[in-house]
Amino acid sequence: MIRKSVSLFCIAGISLAATLAASAATVEAARTLHRGTIINSSDVVITPNSPRRGQIETLHDVVGKEVRSTLREGRPIRYADLRAPILVERNQLVDIFYRAGSLIIRGEGRALRQGGSGERIRVMNLDSRIVVSGRVTESGQIEVNR
């Protein structure tokens, strides 16, 4: 808990004193979490602490994410430790599409690496053998951009 005393002086000549209290917390692993684990609320605890740069402060930012590498029990969790769950595996056949206004071009491709929702990955178009990059959608399709 961080406490700060403040004195205020109003225009009417009235002086006020107040103590402000703010709590800071970090999210820590409640048990050892191995690579690939999807985190749920029982896997983590909130500990009163002063968070450092990159450390997560709320459960909302952790629950449903996938662990990138093993996290030891009691260790504060950083944003870099987590990723969106994998939706597309390497070498998986995927639907690719390009959208420009009302025009939609669809095709089939092979993912050249794994990816989660919102991540950019490279995909080989199976018809043309051209490698394109696109963003993984929540449905596991790849949206190709210019």
C-alpha atoms as a PDB file:
ATOM      1  CA  MET A   1       0.000   0.000   0.000  1.00  0.00           C
ATOM      2  CA  ILE A   2       1.380   3.375  -0.995  1.00  0.00           C
ATOM      3  CA  ARG A   3       0.324   6.372   1.105  1.00  0.00           C
ATOM      4  CA  LYS A   4       0.759  10.024   0.206  1.00  0.00           C
ATOM      5  CA  SER A   5      -0.264  13.045   2.279  1.00  0.00           C
ATOM      6  CA  VAL A   6      -1.509  16.070   0.386  1.00  0.00           C
ATOM      7  CA  SER A   7      -2.443  19.570   1.573  1.00  0.00           C
ATOM      8  CA  LEU A   8      -4.895  21.590  -0.470  1.00  0.00           C
ATOM      9  CA  PHE A   9      -5.646  25.309  -0.205  1.00  0.00           C
ATOM     10  CA  CYS A  10      -8.932  26.469  -1.670  1.00  0.00           C
ATOM     11  CA  ILE A  11      -9.732  29.936  -3.033  1.00  0.00           C
ATOM     12  CA  ALA A  12     -12.087  30.568  -0.110  1.00  0.00           C
ATOM     13  CA  GLY A  13      -9.137  30.366   2.271  1.00  0.00           C
ATOM     14  CA  ILE A  14     -10.003  26.914   3.576  1.00  0.00           C
ATOM     15  CA  SER A  15      -7.120  24.502   4.022  1.00  0.00           C
ATOM     16  CA  LEU A  16      -7.762  20.774   3.639  1.00  0.00           C
ATOM     17  CA  ALA A  17      -5.483  17.842   4.370  1.00  0.00           C
ATOM     18  CA  ALA A  18      -5.979  14.391   2.914  1.00  0.00           C
ATOM     19  CA  THR A  19      -4.156  11.094   2.808  1.00  0.00           C
ATOM     20  CA  LEU A  20      -4.407   9.184  -0.423  1.00  0.00           C
ATOM     21  CA  ALA A  21      -3.892   5.447  -0.467  1.00  0.00           C
ATOM     22  CA  ALA A  22      -3.273   3.374  -3.563  1.00  0.00           C
ATOM     23  CA  SER A  23      -2.519  -0.292  -3.669  1.00  0.00           C
ATOM     24  CA  ALA A  24      -0.275  -1.910  -6.216  1.00  0.00           C
ATOM     25  CA  ALA A  25      -0.147  -5.593  -6.968  1.00  0.00           C
ATOM     26  CA  THR A  26       1.466  -8.078  -9.302  1.00  0.00           C
ATOM     27  CA  VAL A  27       0.142 -11.341 -10.666  1.00  0.00           C
ATOM     28  CA  GLU A  28       2.307 -14.339  -9.737  1.00  0.00           C
ATOM     29  CA  ALA A  29       2.239 -18.016 -10.611  1.00  0.00           C
ATOM     30  CA  ALA A  30       0.461 -20.026  -7.886  1.00  0.00           C
ATOM     31  CA  ARG A  31       2.238 -23.164  -9.077  1.00  0.00           C
ATOM     32  CA  THR A  32       4.868 -23.996 -11.678  1.00  0.00           C
ATOM     33  CA  LEU A  33       3.335 -23.376 -15.109  1.00  0.00           C
ATOM     34  CA  HIS A  34       4.910 -25.240 -18.019  1.00  0.00           C
ATOM     35  CA  ARG A  35       5.244 -24.037 -21.598  1.00  0.00           C
ATOM     36  CA  GLY A  36       1.957 -24.307 -23.497  1.00  0.00           C
ATOM     37  CA  THR A  37      -0.269 -24.156 -20.405  1.00  0.00           C
ATOM     38  CA  ILE A  38      -3.435 -22.095 -20.850  1.00  0.00           C
ATOM     39  CA  ILE A  39      -3.781 -20.050 -17.658  1.00  0.00           C
ATOM     40  CA  ASN A  40      -6.979 -20.033 -15.616  1.00  0.00           C
ATOM     41  CA  SER A  41      -7.715 -18.066 -12.447  1.00  0.00           C
ATOM     42  CA  SER A  42      -6.619 -20.894 -10.110  1.00  0.00           C
ATOM     43  CA  ASP A  43      -3.110 -20.891 -11.659  1.00  0.00           C
ATOM     44  CA  VAL A  44      -2.260 -17.383 -10.448  1.00  0.00           C
ATOM     45  CA  VAL A  45      -2.420 -15.201  -7.335  1.00  0.00           C
ATOM     46  CA  ILE A  46      -2.378 -11.447  -6.850  1.00  0.00           C
ATOM     47  CA  THR A  47       0.360 -10.308  -4.473  1.00  0.00           C
ATOM     48  CA  PRO A  48       0.617  -6.792  -3.016  1.00  0.00           C
ATOM     49  CA  ASN A  49       3.812  -5.523  -4.568  1.00  0.00           C
ATOM     50  CA  SER A  50       5.196  -2.621  -6.501  1.00  0.00           C
ATOM     51  CA  PRO A  51       5.090  -3.841 -10.097  1.00  0.00           C
ATOM     52  CA  ARG A  52       8.152  -3.370 -12.259  1.00  0.00           C
ATOM     53  CA  ARG A  53       8.070  -2.504 -15.940  1.00  0.00           C
ATOM     54  CA  GLY A  54       6.371  -5.212 -17.971  1.00  0.00           C
ATOM     55  CA  GLN A  55       4.850  -7.059 -15.006  1.00  0.00           C
ATOM     56  CA  ILE A  56       1.148  -7.825 -15.123  1.00  0.00           C
ATOM     57  CA  GLU A  57      -1.122  -6.240 -12.496  1.00  0.00           C
ATOM     58  CA  THR A  58      -4.589  -7.676 -13.260  1.00  0.00           C
ATOM     59  CA  LEU A  59      -6.046 -11.161 -13.713  1.00  0.00           C
ATOM     60  CA  HIS A  60      -7.839  -9.978 -16.831  1.00  0.00           C
ATOM     61  CA  ASP A  61      -4.496  -9.695 -18.655  1.00  0.00           C
ATOM     62  CA  VAL A  62      -3.476 -13.266 -17.740  1.00  0.00           C
ATOM     63  CA  VAL A  63      -6.477 -15.607 -17.807  1.00  0.00           C
ATOM     64  CA  GLY A  64      -6.865 -17.399 -21.149  1.00  0.00           C
ATOM     65  CA  LYS A  65      -3.288 -16.717 -22.300  1.00  0.00           C
ATOM     66  CA  GLU A  66      -0.684 -19.363 -23.090  1.00  0.00           C
ATOM     67  CA  VAL A  67       2.640 -19.634 -21.259  1.00  0.00           C
ATOM     68  CA  ARG A  68       5.661 -19.142 -23.590  1.00  0.00           C
ATOM     69  CA  SER A  69       8.218 -20.784 -21.274  1.00  0.00           C
ATOM     70  CA  THR A  70       8.079 -22.398 -17.829  1.00  0.00           C
ATOM     71  CA  LEU A  71       7.120 -20.034 -14.986  1.00  0.00           C
ATOM     72  CA  ARG A  72       8.168 -20.978 -11.467  1.00  0.00           C
ATOM     73  CA  GLU A  73       5.797 -20.733  -8.514  1.00  0.00           C
ATOM     74  CA  GLY A  74       5.846 -17.286  -6.872  1.00  0.00           C
ATOM     75  CA  ARG A  75       7.465 -15.555  -9.853  1.00  0.00           C
ATOM     76  CA  PRO A  76       5.775 -12.346 -11.082  1.00  0.00           C
ATOM     77  CA  ILE A  77       4.331 -12.805 -14.569  1.00  0.00           C
ATOM     78  CA  ARG A  78       5.416 -10.412 -17.328  1.00  0.00           C
ATOM     79  CA  TYR A  79       3.624  -9.644 -20.590  1.00  0.00           C
ATOM     80  CA  ALA A  80       6.577 -11.194 -22.446  1.00  0.00           C
ATOM     81  CA  ASP A  81       5.930 -14.522 -20.659  1.00  0.00           C
ATOM     82  CA  LEU A  82       2.519 -14.930 -22.311  1.00  0.00           C
ATOM     83  CA  ARG A  83       0.979 -15.139 -25.760  1.00  0.00           C
ATOM     84  CA  ALA A  84      -2.412 -15.709 -27.322  1.00  0.00           C
ATOM     85  CA  PRO A  85      -3.226 -19.448 -27.498  1.00  0.00           C
ATOM     86  CA  ILE A  86      -1.943 -21.198 -30.647  1.00  0.00           C
ATOM     87  CA  LEU A  87      -4.654 -21.447 -33.312  1.00  0.00           C
ATOM     88  CA  VAL A  88      -2.463 -22.380 -36.276  1.00  0.00           C
ATOM     89  CA  GLU A  89       0.323 -24.961 -36.133  1.00  0.00           C
ATOM     90  CA  ARG A  90       3.375 -25.036 -38.413  1.00  0.00           C
ATOM     91  CA  ASN A  91       2.682 -26.912 -41.706  1.00  0.00           C
ATOM     92  CA  GLN A  92      -1.077 -26.821 -41.073  1.00  0.00           C
ATOM     93  CA  LEU A  93      -3.315 -26.254 -44.100  1.00  0.00           C
ATOM     94  CA  VAL A  94      -5.152 -22.961 -43.604  1.00  0.00           C
ATOM     95  CA  ASP A  95      -7.674 -20.803 -45.400  1.00  0.00           C
ATOM     96  CA  ILE A  96      -6.156 -17.523 -46.570  1.00  0.00           C
ATOM     97  CA  PHE A  97      -8.087 -14.501 -47.757  1.00  0.00           C
ATOM     98  CA  TYR A  98      -7.536 -10.968 -48.971  1.00  0.00           C
ATOM     99  CA  ARG A  99     -10.226  -8.330 -48.491  1.00  0.00           C
ATOM    100  CA  ALA A 100     -10.457  -4.990 -50.331  1.00  0.00           C
ATOM    101  CA  GLY A 101     -13.832  -3.341 -49.841  1.00  0.00           C
ATOM    102  CA  SER A 102     -16.487  -5.823 -50.975  1.00  0.00           C
ATOM    103  CA  LEU A 103     -13.958  -7.936 -52.926  1.00  0.00           C
ATOM    104  CA  ILE A 104     -12.756 -11.079 -51.126  1.00  0.00           C
ATOM    105  CA  ILE A 105     -10.190 -13.447 -52.645  1.00  0.00           C
ATOM    106  CA  ARG A 106      -9.846 -16.823 -50.944  1.00  0.00           C
ATOM    107  CA  GLY A 107      -7.319 -19.599 -51.263  1.00  0.00           C
ATOM    108  CA  GLU A 108      -5.580 -22.389 -49.415  1.00  0.00           C
ATOM    109  CA  GLY A 109      -2.142 -22.169 -47.891  1.00  0.00           C
ATOM    110  CA  ARG A 110       0.350 -23.912 -45.646  1.00  0.00           C
ATOM    111  CA  ALA A 111       1.427 -22.142 -42.439  1.00  0.00           C
ATOM    112  CA  LEU A 112       5.204 -21.758 -42.239  1.00  0.00           C
ATOM    113  CA  ARG A 113       5.096 -21.238 -38.465  1.00  0.00           C
ATOM    114  CA  GLN A 114       2.610 -21.436 -35.613  1.00  0.00           C
ATOM    115  CA  GLY A 115       0.561 -18.454 -34.524  1.00  0.00           C
ATOM    116  CA  GLY A 116      -2.127 -17.223 -32.177  1.00  0.00           C
ATOM    117  CA  SER A 117      -4.955 -14.784 -32.731  1.00  0.00           C
ATOM    118  CA  GLY A 118      -3.649 -11.427 -33.976  1.00  0.00           C
ATOM    119  CA  GLU A 119      -0.109 -12.643 -34.694  1.00  0.00           C
ATOM    120  CA  ARG A 120       1.498 -12.206 -38.111  1.00  0.00           C
ATOM    121  CA  ILE A 121       2.747 -15.396 -39.750  1.00  0.00           C
ATOM    122  CA  ARG A 122       4.054 -16.396 -43.174  1.00  0.00           C
ATOM    123  CA  VAL A 123       1.965 -18.705 -45.338  1.00  0.00           C
ATOM    124  CA  MET A 124       2.709 -20.368 -48.677  1.00  0.00           C
ATOM    125  CA  ASN A 125      -0.160 -20.092 -51.172  1.00  0.00           C
ATOM    126  CA  LEU A 126      -0.600 -23.666 -52.462  1.00  0.00           C
ATOM    127  CA  ASP A 127      -1.810 -22.599 -55.908  1.00  0.00           C
ATOM    128  CA  SER A 128       0.956 -20.123 -56.764  1.00  0.00           C
ATOM    129  CA  ARG A 129       3.686 -21.300 -54.317  1.00  0.00           C
ATOM    130  CA  ILE A 130       4.180 -17.635 -53.363  1.00  0.00           C
ATOM    131  CA  VAL A 131       4.921 -16.918 -49.697  1.00  0.00           C
ATOM    132  CA  VAL A 132       2.719 -14.189 -48.203  1.00  0.00           C
ATOM    133  CA  SER A 133       2.333 -12.880 -44.679  1.00  0.00           C
ATOM    134  CA  GLY A 134      -0.909 -12.298 -42.877  1.00  0.00           C
ATOM    135  CA  ARG A 135      -2.591 -12.003 -39.507  1.00  0.00           C
ATOM    136  CA  VAL A 136      -4.220 -14.996 -37.778  1.00  0.00           C
ATOM    137  CA  THR A 137      -7.933 -14.383 -37.146  1.00  0.00           C
ATOM    138  CA  GLU A 138      -9.857 -15.757 -34.166  1.00  0.00           C
ATOM    139  CA  SER A 139     -11.300 -18.465 -36.430  1.00  0.00           C
ATOM    140  CA  GLY A 140      -7.808 -19.668 -37.437  1.00  0.00           C
ATOM    141  CA  GLN A 141      -7.895 -18.199 -40.953  1.00  0.00           C
ATOM    142  CA  ILE A 142      -5.125 -15.968 -42.284  1.00  0.00           C
ATOM    143  CA  GLU A 143      -6.002 -12.466 -43.472  1.00  0.00           C
ATOM    144  CA  VAL A 144      -3.410 -11.319 -46.004  1.00  0.00           C
ATOM    145  CA  ASN A 145      -2.592  -7.617 -46.194  1.00  0.00           C
ATOM    146  CA  ARG A 146      -0.870  -5.637 -48.931  1.00  0.00           C
END
